PDB file of N, CA and C in Angstrom:
ATOM      1  N   MET A   1      80.615-224.315-131.503  1.00  0.00           N
ATOM      2  CA  MET A   1      81.182-225.636-131.777  1.00  0.00           C
ATOM      3  C   MET A   1      82.379-225.292-132.002  1.00  0.00           C
ATOM      4  N   GLY A   2      83.457-226.566-132.004  1.00  0.00           N
ATOM      5  CA  GLY A   2      84.799-226.386-132.672  1.00  0.00           C
ATOM      6  C   GLY A   2      85.065-226.529-134.238  1.00  0.00           C
ATOM      7  N   ALA A   3      85.910-227.250-134.453  1.00  0.00           N
ATOM      8  CA  ALA A   3      86.230-227.459-136.003  1.00  0.00           C
ATOM      9  C   ALA A   3      85.665-228.631-136.030  1.00  0.00           C
ATOM     10  N   VAL A   4      85.080-228.965-137.547  1.00  0.00           N
ATOM     11  CA  VAL A   4      84.188-229.827-137.778  1.00  0.00           C
ATOM     12  C   VAL A   4      84.976-230.430-139.296  1.00  0.00           C
ATOM     13  N   ILE A   5      85.155-231.954-139.140  1.00  0.00           N
ATOM     14  CA  ILE A   5      85.939-232.687-140.157  1.00  0.00           C
ATOM     15  C   ILE A   5      84.641-233.438-141.227  1.00  0.00           C
ATOM     16  N   LEU A   6      85.030-232.887-142.142  1.00  0.00           N
ATOM     17  CA  LEU A   6      83.794-233.626-143.265  1.00  0.00           C
ATOM     18  C   LEU A   6      84.321-234.864-143.902  1.00  0.00           C
ATOM     19  N   ALA A   7      84.069-235.948-143.660  1.00  0.00           N
ATOM     20  CA  ALA A   7      84.231-237.526-144.333  1.00  0.00           C
ATOM     21  C   ALA A   7      83.411-237.715-145.144  1.00  0.00           C
ATOM     22  N   TRP A   8      83.583-238.343-146.458  1.00  0.00           N
ATOM     23  CA  TRP A   8      82.336-239.076-147.462  1.00  0.00           C
ATOM     24  C   TRP A   8      82.754-240.491-147.055  1.00  0.00           C
ATOM     25  N   VAL A   9      81.675-241.227-146.389  1.00  0.00           N
ATOM     26  CA  VAL A   9      82.103-242.547-146.693  1.00  0.00           C
ATOM     27  C   VAL A   9      82.226-242.852-147.608  1.00  0.00           C
ATOM     28  N   ASN A  10      81.277-242.591-148.966  1.00  0.00           N
ATOM     29  CA  ASN A  10      81.552-243.194-150.289  1.00  0.00           C
ATOM     30  C   ASN A  10      82.578-242.327-151.185  1.00  0.00           C
ATOM     31  N   ALA A  11      83.433-241.890-150.589  1.00  0.00           N
ATOM     32  CA  ALA A  11      84.331-240.610-151.634  1.00  0.00           C
ATOM     33  C   ALA A  11      84.814-241.671-152.607  1.00  0.00           C
ATOM     34  N   SER A  12      85.393-242.729-152.558  1.00  0.00           N
ATOM     35  CA  SER A  12      85.911-243.468-153.812  1.00  0.00           C
ATOM     36  C   SER A  12      84.819-243.879-154.587  1.00  0.00           C
ATOM     37  N   ALA A  13      83.638-243.900-154.296  1.00  0.00           N
ATOM     38  CA  ALA A  13      82.506-244.146-155.551  1.00  0.00           C
ATOM     39  C   ALA A  13      82.433-243.033-156.447  1.00  0.00           C
ATOM     40  N   ALA A  14      82.742-241.988-156.328  1.00  0.00           N
ATOM     41  CA  ALA A  14      82.389-240.976-157.643  1.00  0.00           C
ATOM     42  C   ALA A  14      83.963-240.235-157.502  1.00  0.00           C
ATOM     43  N   PRO A  15      84.139-239.508-158.576  1.00  0.00           N
ATOM     44  CA  PRO A  15      85.179-238.856-159.160  1.00  0.00           C
ATOM     45  C   PRO A  15      85.607-237.690-157.935  1.00  0.00           C
ATOM     46  N   ASP A  16      87.009-237.879-157.686  1.00  0.00           N
ATOM     47  CA  ASP A  16      87.237-237.042-157.073  1.00  0.00           C
ATOM     48  C   ASP A  16      86.575-235.275-156.989  1.00  0.00           C
ATOM     49  N   ALA A  17      86.872-234.846-158.520  1.00  0.00           N
ATOM     50  CA  ALA A  17      85.745-233.638-158.767  1.00  0.00           C
ATOM     51  C   ALA A  17      84.340-233.908-158.043  1.00  0.00           C
ATOM     52  N   ALA A  18      83.753-234.868-158.075  1.00  0.00           N
ATOM     53  CA  ALA A  18      82.148-234.710-157.580  1.00  0.00           C
ATOM     54  C   ALA A  18      82.167-234.849-155.988  1.00  0.00           C
ATOM     55  N   ASP A  19      83.183-235.175-155.447  1.00  0.00           N
ATOM     56  CA  ASP A  19      83.397-235.566-153.615  1.00  0.00           C
ATOM     57  C   ASP A  19      83.847-233.659-153.278  1.00  0.00           C
ATOM     58  N   ILE A  20      84.473-233.057-153.968  1.00  0.00           N
ATOM     59  CA  ILE A  20      84.893-231.554-153.770  1.00  0.00           C
ATOM     60  C   ILE A  20      83.778-230.583-154.009  1.00  0.00           C
ATOM     61  N   ALA A  21      82.759-230.761-155.182  1.00  0.00           N
ATOM     62  CA  ALA A  21      81.797-230.221-155.298  1.00  0.00           C
ATOM     63  C   ALA A  21      80.842-230.188-154.277  1.00  0.00           C
ATOM     64  N   ARG A  22      80.465-231.603-153.594  1.00  0.00           N
ATOM     65  CA  ARG A  22      79.598-231.950-152.512  1.00  0.00           C
ATOM     66  C   ARG A  22      80.091-230.914-151.328  1.00  0.00           C
ATOM     67  N   THR A  23      81.391-231.514-151.604  1.00  0.00           N
ATOM     68  CA  THR A  23      82.245-230.579-149.759  1.00  0.00           C
ATOM     69  C   THR A  23      81.209-229.153-150.282  1.00  0.00           C
ATOM     70  N   LEU A  24      82.157-228.453-151.465  1.00  0.00           N
ATOM     71  CA  LEU A  24      81.944-227.019-151.699  1.00  0.00           C
ATOM     72  C   LEU A  24      80.295-226.674-151.338  1.00  0.00           C
ATOM     73  N   MET A  25      79.583-227.230-151.908  1.00  0.00           N
ATOM     74  CA  MET A  25      77.972-226.998-151.701  1.00  0.00           C
ATOM     75  C   MET A  25      77.515-227.247-150.156  1.00  0.00           C
ATOM     76  N   LEU A  26      78.169-228.062-149.917  1.00  0.00           N
ATOM     77  CA  LEU A  26      77.538-228.008-148.104  1.00  0.00           C
ATOM     78  C   LEU A  26      78.058-226.837-147.325  1.00  0.00           C
ATOM     79  N   ILE A  27      79.287-226.761-147.643  1.00  0.00           N
ATOM     80  CA  ILE A  27      79.886-225.836-146.660  1.00  0.00           C
ATOM     81  C   ILE A  27      79.282-224.250-147.084  1.00  0.00           C
ATOM     82  N   GLY A  28      78.828-224.041-148.256  1.00  0.00           N
ATOM     83  CA  GLY A  28      78.724-223.000-148.979  1.00  0.00           C
ATOM     84  C   GLY A  28      77.126-222.711-148.782  1.00  0.00           C
ATOM     85  N   TYR A  29      76.174-223.673-148.668  1.00  0.00           N
ATOM     86  CA  TYR A  29      74.869-223.535-148.968  1.00  0.00           C
ATOM     87  C   TYR A  29      74.146-224.156-147.649  1.00  0.00           C
ATOM     88  N   GLN A  30      74.658-225.214-146.907  1.00  0.00           N
ATOM     89  CA  GLN A  30      74.180-225.659-145.552  1.00  0.00           C
ATOM     90  C   GLN A  30      73.800-224.683-144.701  1.00  0.00           C
ATOM     91  N   GLY A  31      72.620-224.675-144.137  1.00  0.00           N
ATOM     92  CA  GLY A  31      72.542-223.219-143.327  1.00  0.00           C
ATOM     93  C   GLY A  31      71.996-222.038-143.633  1.00  0.00           C
ATOM     94  N   MET A  32      71.734-222.125-144.953  1.00  0.00           N
ATOM     95  CA  MET A  32      71.626-220.709-145.585  1.00  0.00           C
ATOM     96  C   MET A  32      70.272-220.670-145.812  1.00  0.00           C
ATOM     97  N   SER A  33      69.852-219.447-146.019  1.00  0.00           N
ATOM     98  CA  SER A  33      68.366-219.305-146.102  1.00  0.00           C
ATOM     99  C   SER A  33      68.174-217.433-146.699  1.00  0.00           C
ATOM    100  N   ASP A  34      67.033-217.343-147.333  1.00  0.00           N
ATOM    101  CA  ASP A  34      67.145-215.669-148.060  1.00  0.00           C
ATOM    102  C   ASP A  34      67.451-214.632-146.613  1.00  0.00           C
ATOM    103  N   GLN A  35      67.115-215.360-145.529  1.00  0.00           N
ATOM    104  CA  GLN A  35      67.720-214.535-144.195  1.00  0.00           C
ATOM    105  C   GLN A  35      68.900-214.134-143.964  1.00  0.00           C
ATOM    106  N   THR A  36      70.055-214.919-144.497  1.00  0.00           N
ATOM    107  CA  THR A  36      71.304-214.992-144.262  1.00  0.00           C
ATOM    108  C   THR A  36      71.663-213.580-144.964  1.00  0.00           C
ATOM    109  N   THR A  37      72.581-213.144-144.204  1.00  0.00           N
ATOM    110  CA  THR A  37      73.460-211.592-144.097  1.00  0.00           C
ATOM    111  C   THR A  37      74.689-211.889-145.270  1.00  0.00           C
ATOM    112  N   ALA A  38      74.784-210.747-146.299  1.00  0.00           N
ATOM    113  CA  ALA A  38      75.632-210.758-146.915  1.00  0.00           C
ATOM    114  C   ALA A  38      77.146-210.961-146.408  1.00  0.00           C
ATOM    115  N   THR A  39      77.182-210.379-145.341  1.00  0.00           N
ATOM    116  CA  THR A  39      78.450-210.854-144.469  1.00  0.00           C
ATOM    117  C   THR A  39      78.898-212.102-144.197  1.00  0.00           C
ATOM    118  N   ILE A  40      77.797-213.156-143.861  1.00  0.00           N
ATOM    119  CA  ILE A  40      78.017-214.934-143.682  1.00  0.00           C
ATOM    120  C   ILE A  40      77.962-215.152-144.850  1.00  0.00           C
ATOM    121  N   ARG A  41      77.550-214.940-146.009  1.00  0.00           N
ATOM    122  CA  ARG A  41      77.848-215.384-147.312  1.00  0.00           C
ATOM    123  C   ARG A  41      78.768-215.077-147.482  1.00  0.00           C
ATOM    124  N   GLN A  42      79.458-213.952-147.481  1.00  0.00           N
ATOM    125  CA  GLN A  42      81.088-213.502-148.433  1.00  0.00           C
ATOM    126  C   GLN A  42      81.993-214.078-147.500  1.00  0.00           C
ATOM    127  N   ALA A  43      81.753-214.537-145.986  1.00  0.00           N
ATOM    128  CA  ALA A  43      82.474-215.154-144.966  1.00  0.00           C
ATOM    129  C   ALA A  43      82.445-216.777-145.755  1.00  0.00           C
ATOM    130  N   ARG A  44      81.183-217.408-146.090  1.00  0.00           N
ATOM    131  CA  ARG A  44      81.106-218.648-146.686  1.00  0.00           C
ATOM    132  C   ARG A  44      81.657-219.011-147.762  1.00  0.00           C
ATOM    133  N   ARG A  45      81.487-218.116-148.891  1.00  0.00           N
ATOM    134  CA  ARG A  45      82.593-218.248-150.004  1.00  0.00           C
ATOM    135  C   ARG A  45      84.117-217.914-149.523  1.00  0.00           C
ATOM    136  N   GLY A  46      84.545-217.206-148.588  1.00  0.00           N
ATOM    137  CA  GLY A  46      85.999-217.328-148.400  1.00  0.00           C
ATOM    138  C   GLY A  46      86.404-218.750-148.144  1.00  0.00           C
ATOM    139  N   MET A  47      85.541-219.193-147.354  1.00  0.00           N
ATOM    140  CA  MET A  47      85.872-220.542-146.744  1.00  0.00           C
ATOM    141  C   MET A  47      86.477-221.494-147.913  1.00  0.00           C
ATOM    142  N   THR A  48      85.126-221.181-148.858  1.00  0.00           N
ATOM    143  CA  THR A  48      84.849-222.436-149.972  1.00  0.00           C
ATOM    144  C   THR A  48      86.007-222.192-150.758  1.00  0.00           C
ATOM    145  N   ASP A  49      86.458-220.732-151.611  1.00  0.00           N
ATOM    146  CA  ASP A  49      87.552-220.868-152.049  1.00  0.00           C
ATOM    147  C   ASP A  49      88.819-221.212-151.286  1.00  0.00           C
ATOM    148  N   ALA A  50      88.913-221.082-150.117  1.00  0.00           N
ATOM    149  CA  ALA A  50      90.214-221.457-149.593  1.00  0.00           C
ATOM    150  C   ALA A  50      90.242-223.161-149.799  1.00  0.00           C
ATOM    151  N   TYR A  51      89.470-223.797-149.409  1.00  0.00           N
ATOM    152  CA  TYR A  51      89.614-225.142-149.409  1.00  0.00           C
ATOM    153  C   TYR A  51      89.508-225.873-150.662  1.00  0.00           C
ATOM    154  N   LEU A  52      88.751-224.862-151.492  1.00  0.00           N
ATOM    155  CA  LEU A  52      89.070-225.592-153.016  1.00  0.00           C
ATOM    156  C   LEU A  52      90.292-225.287-153.408  1.00  0.00           C
ATOM    157  N   ALA A  53      91.034-223.800-153.288  1.00  0.00           N
ATOM    158  CA  ALA A  53      92.162-223.722-153.564  1.00  0.00           C
ATOM    159  C   ALA A  53      93.406-224.707-153.107  1.00  0.00           C
ATOM    160  N   ALA A  54      93.398-225.392-151.480  1.00  0.00           N
ATOM    161  CA  ALA A  54      93.953-226.220-151.070  1.00  0.00           C
ATOM    162  C   ALA A  54      93.795-227.698-151.789  1.00  0.00           C
ATOM    163  N   TYR A  55      92.631-227.911-152.010  1.00  0.00           N
ATOM    164  CA  TYR A  55      92.810-229.008-152.596  1.00  0.00           C
ATOM    165  C   TYR A  55      93.575-229.202-153.971  1.00  0.00           C
ATOM    166  N   LEU A  56      92.876-228.167-154.581  1.00  0.00           N
ATOM    167  CA  LEU A  56      93.487-228.209-156.179  1.00  0.00           C
ATOM    168  C   LEU A  56      95.309-228.229-156.323  1.00  0.00           C
ATOM    169  N   GLU A  57      95.751-227.432-155.174  1.00  0.00           N
ATOM    170  CA  GLU A  57      97.012-227.673-154.967  1.00  0.00           C
ATOM    171  C   GLU A  57      97.849-229.007-154.761  1.00  0.00           C
ATOM    172  N   PHE A  58      97.136-229.742-154.304  1.00  0.00           N
ATOM    173  CA  PHE A  58      97.622-231.002-153.779  1.00  0.00           C
ATOM    174  C   PHE A  58      96.983-232.121-154.704  1.00  0.00           C
ATOM    175  N   THR A  59      96.388-231.921-155.851  1.00  0.00           N
ATOM    176  CA  THR A  59      95.881-233.201-156.207  1.00  0.00           C
ATOM    177  C   THR A  59      95.702-232.380-158.101  1.00  0.00           C
ATOM    178  N   SER A  60      95.369-233.555-158.894  1.00  0.00           N
ATOM    179  CA  SER A  60      95.073-233.375-160.284  1.00  0.00           C
ATOM    180  C   SER A  60      94.270-232.489-160.820  1.00  0.00           C
ATOM    181  N   VAL A  61      93.034-232.659-159.923  1.00  0.00           N
ATOM    182  CA  VAL A  61      91.671-232.430-160.145  1.00  0.00           C
ATOM    183  C   VAL A  61      91.766-230.469-160.276  1.00  0.00           C
ATOM    184  N   THR A  62      91.085-230.228-161.438  1.00  0.00           N
ATOM    185  CA  THR A  62      91.199-229.108-161.969  1.00  0.00           C
ATOM    186  C   THR A  62      89.901-228.326-161.573  1.00  0.00           C
ATOM    187  N   CYS A  63      90.224-226.998-161.407  1.00  0.00           N
ATOM    188  CA  CYS A  63      88.637-226.223-161.405  1.00  0.00           C
ATOM    189  C   CYS A  63      87.600-226.472-162.253  1.00  0.00           C
ATOM    190  N   GLU A  64      88.050-226.756-163.539  1.00  0.00           N
ATOM    191  CA  GLU A  64      86.848-227.211-164.357  1.00  0.00           C
ATOM    192  C   GLU A  64      86.229-228.286-163.982  1.00  0.00           C
ATOM    193  N   ASP A  65      86.994-229.329-163.811  1.00  0.00           N
ATOM    194  CA  ASP A  65      86.557-230.868-163.536  1.00  0.00           C
ATOM    195  C   ASP A  65      85.629-230.241-162.366  1.00  0.00           C
ATOM    196  N   VAL A  66      85.752-229.657-161.621  1.00  0.00           N
ATOM    197  CA  VAL A  66      84.769-229.360-160.558  1.00  0.00           C
ATOM    198  C   VAL A  66      83.435-228.769-160.779  1.00  0.00           C
ATOM    199  N   VAL A  67      83.580-227.760-161.765  1.00  0.00           N
ATOM    200  CA  VAL A  67      82.364-227.180-162.330  1.00  0.00           C
ATOM    201  C   VAL A  67      81.487-227.897-163.232  1.00  0.00           C
ATOM    202  N   ARG A  68      82.230-229.144-163.783  1.00  0.00           N
ATOM    203  CA  ARG A  68      81.730-229.901-164.506  1.00  0.00           C
ATOM    204  C   ARG A  68      80.491-230.799-163.734  1.00  0.00           C
ATOM    205  N   CYS A  69      81.200-231.170-162.447  1.00  0.00           N
ATOM    206  CA  CYS A  69      80.075-231.965-161.529  1.00  0.00           C
ATOM    207  C   CYS A  69      79.191-231.487-160.425  1.00  0.00           C
ATOM    208  N   GLU A  70      79.307-229.740-160.953  1.00  0.00           N
ATOM    209  CA  GLU A  70      78.169-229.220-159.992  1.00  0.00           C
ATOM    210  C   GLU A  70      76.924-229.430-160.207  1.00  0.00           C
ATOM    211  N   PRO A  71      76.099-229.264-161.350  1.00  0.00           N
ATOM    212  CA  PRO A  71      74.692-229.828-161.862  1.00  0.00           C
ATOM    213  C   PRO A  71      74.599-230.947-161.351  1.00  0.00           C
ATOM    214  N   ALA A  72      75.221-232.462-161.394  1.00  0.00           N
ATOM    215  CA  ALA A  72      74.808-233.544-161.147  1.00  0.00           C
ATOM    216  C   ALA A  72      74.863-233.369-159.581  1.00  0.00           C
ATOM    217  N   THR A  73      75.847-232.645-159.105  1.00  0.00           N
ATOM    218  CA  THR A  73      76.177-233.103-157.459  1.00  0.00           C
ATOM    219  C   THR A  73      75.105-232.258-156.660  1.00  0.00           C
ATOM    220  N   ALA A  74      74.763-230.768-157.543  1.00  0.00           N
ATOM    221  CA  ALA A  74      73.675-230.075-156.965  1.00  0.00           C
ATOM    222  C   ALA A  74      72.411-231.324-156.620  1.00  0.00           C
ATOM    223  N   ALA A  75      71.746-231.715-157.968  1.00  0.00           N
ATOM    224  CA  ALA A  75      70.656-232.829-157.880  1.00  0.00           C
ATOM    225  C   ALA A  75      70.630-233.828-156.555  1.00  0.00           C
ATOM    226  N   ALA A  76      71.901-234.418-156.358  1.00  0.00           N
ATOM    227  CA  ALA A  76      71.957-235.135-155.854  1.00  0.00           C
ATOM    228  C   ALA A  76      72.069-234.775-153.978  1.00  0.00           C
ATOM    229  N   VAL A  77      72.678-233.586-154.041  1.00  0.00           N
ATOM    230  CA  VAL A  77      72.116-233.170-152.415  1.00  0.00           C
ATOM    231  C   VAL A  77      71.155-232.634-152.369  1.00  0.00           C
ATOM    232  N   LEU A  78      70.478-232.017-153.782  1.00  0.00           N
ATOM    233  CA  LEU A  78      68.482-231.513-153.068  1.00  0.00           C
ATOM    234  C   LEU A  78      68.135-232.945-152.715  1.00  0.00           C
ATOM    235  N   ARG A  79      68.129-234.293-153.837  1.00  0.00           N
ATOM    236  CA  ARG A  79      67.585-235.206-153.492  1.00  0.00           C
ATOM    237  C   ARG A  79      67.539-235.600-152.033  1.00  0.00           C
ATOM    238  N   ALA A  80      68.797-235.692-151.526  1.00  0.00           N
ATOM    239  CA  ALA A  80      68.966-236.342-150.304  1.00  0.00           C
ATOM    240  C   ALA A  80      67.872-235.368-149.286  1.00  0.00           C
ATOM    241  N   LYS A  81      67.362-234.079-149.722  1.00  0.00           N
ATOM    242  CA  LYS A  81      66.545-233.414-148.610  1.00  0.00           C
ATOM    243  C   LYS A  81      67.182-232.845-147.309  1.00  0.00           C
ATOM    244  N   PRO A  82      68.272-232.122-147.719  1.00  0.00           N
ATOM    245  CA  PRO A  82      69.154-231.923-146.564  1.00  0.00           C
ATOM    246  C   PRO A  82      68.345-230.877-145.288  1.00  0.00           C
ATOM    247  N   ASP A  83      68.221-230.757-144.102  1.00  0.00           N
ATOM    248  CA  ASP A  83      67.573-229.599-143.570  1.00  0.00           C
ATOM    249  C   ASP A  83      68.622-228.237-144.013  1.00  0.00           C
ATOM    250  N   ASN A  84      67.523-227.064-143.850  1.00  0.00           N
ATOM    251  CA  ASN A  84      68.325-225.798-143.835  1.00  0.00           C
ATOM    252  C   ASN A  84      69.216-225.913-144.862  1.00  0.00           C
ATOM    253  N   ILE A  85      68.787-225.874-146.089  1.00  0.00           N
ATOM    254  CA  ILE A  85      70.131-225.649-147.270  1.00  0.00           C
ATOM    255  C   ILE A  85      69.322-224.719-148.327  1.00  0.00           C
ATOM    256  N   ASP A  86      70.156-223.642-149.055  1.00  0.00           N
ATOM    257  CA  ASP A  86      69.639-222.665-149.960  1.00  0.00           C
ATOM    258  C   ASP A  86      69.293-223.871-151.107  1.00  0.00           C
ATOM    259  N   SER A  87      68.414-224.019-151.240  1.00  0.00           N
ATOM    260  CA  SER A  87      67.490-224.752-152.729  1.00  0.00           C
ATOM    261  C   SER A  87      67.912-224.215-153.745  1.00  0.00           C
ATOM    262  N   ALA A  88      67.212-222.634-153.436  1.00  0.00           N
ATOM    263  CA  ALA A  88      66.954-222.065-154.623  1.00  0.00           C
ATOM    264  C   ALA A  88      68.461-221.929-155.474  1.00  0.00           C
ATOM    265  N   ALA A  89      69.472-221.635-154.482  1.00  0.00           N
ATOM    266  CA  ALA A  89      70.967-221.370-155.183  1.00  0.00           C
ATOM    267  C   ALA A  89      71.606-222.495-155.722  1.00  0.00           C
ATOM    268  N   LEU A  90      71.201-224.071-155.139  1.00  0.00           N
ATOM    269  CA  LEU A  90      71.607-225.192-155.641  1.00  0.00           C
ATOM    270  C   LEU A  90      70.754-225.360-157.139  1.00  0.00           C
ATOM    271  N   GLY A  91      69.421-225.360-156.977  1.00  0.00           N
ATOM    272  CA  GLY A  91      68.710-225.333-158.336  1.00  0.00           C
ATOM    273  C   GLY A  91      69.193-224.340-159.277  1.00  0.00           C
ATOM    274  N   ALA A  92      69.891-223.488-158.834  1.00  0.00           N
ATOM    275  CA  ALA A  92      70.440-222.377-159.936  1.00  0.00           C
ATOM    276  C   ALA A  92      71.572-223.488-160.621  1.00  0.00           C
ATOM    277  N   LEU A  93      72.538-224.170-159.787  1.00  0.00           N
ATOM    278  CA  LEU A  93      73.524-224.590-160.322  1.00  0.00           C
ATOM    279  C   LEU A  93      73.117-226.225-161.059  1.00  0.00           C
ATOM    280  N   ILE A  94      72.123-226.186-160.707  1.00  0.00           N
ATOM    281  CA  ILE A  94      71.338-227.708-161.620  1.00  0.00           C
ATOM    282  C   ILE A  94      70.865-226.909-163.075  1.00  0.00           C
ATOM    283  N   ASP A  95      70.658-225.893-163.280  1.00  0.00           N
ATOM    284  CA  ASP A  95      70.169-225.226-164.545  1.00  0.00           C
ATOM    285  C   ASP A  95      71.296-224.989-165.202  1.00  0.00           C
ATOM    286  N   SER A  96      72.680-224.609-164.906  1.00  0.00           N
ATOM    287  CA  SER A  96      73.686-223.880-165.520  1.00  0.00           C
ATOM    288  C   SER A  96      74.271-225.168-166.310  1.00  0.00           C
TER     289      SER A  96
END
């Protein structure tokens, strides 16, 4: 599969920071499990770091804004019951 574009239909319904947090969670945790290798986790982390850095460069949203949105956004992602997502990692974000 080639490049994938993530587009949120309801992006205007939430603060920008929440939309960024949701994208970061899906890039970082979708398709992950206990069996996922450290190399894959590190590559995903690199992708999320690059996405966040690029987004923050062109907007007034701060990293702290995104972090504040993580618990509620993680809960919303889990409520949607996506297939093949690292639920334990998202659960830890809810408890933070």
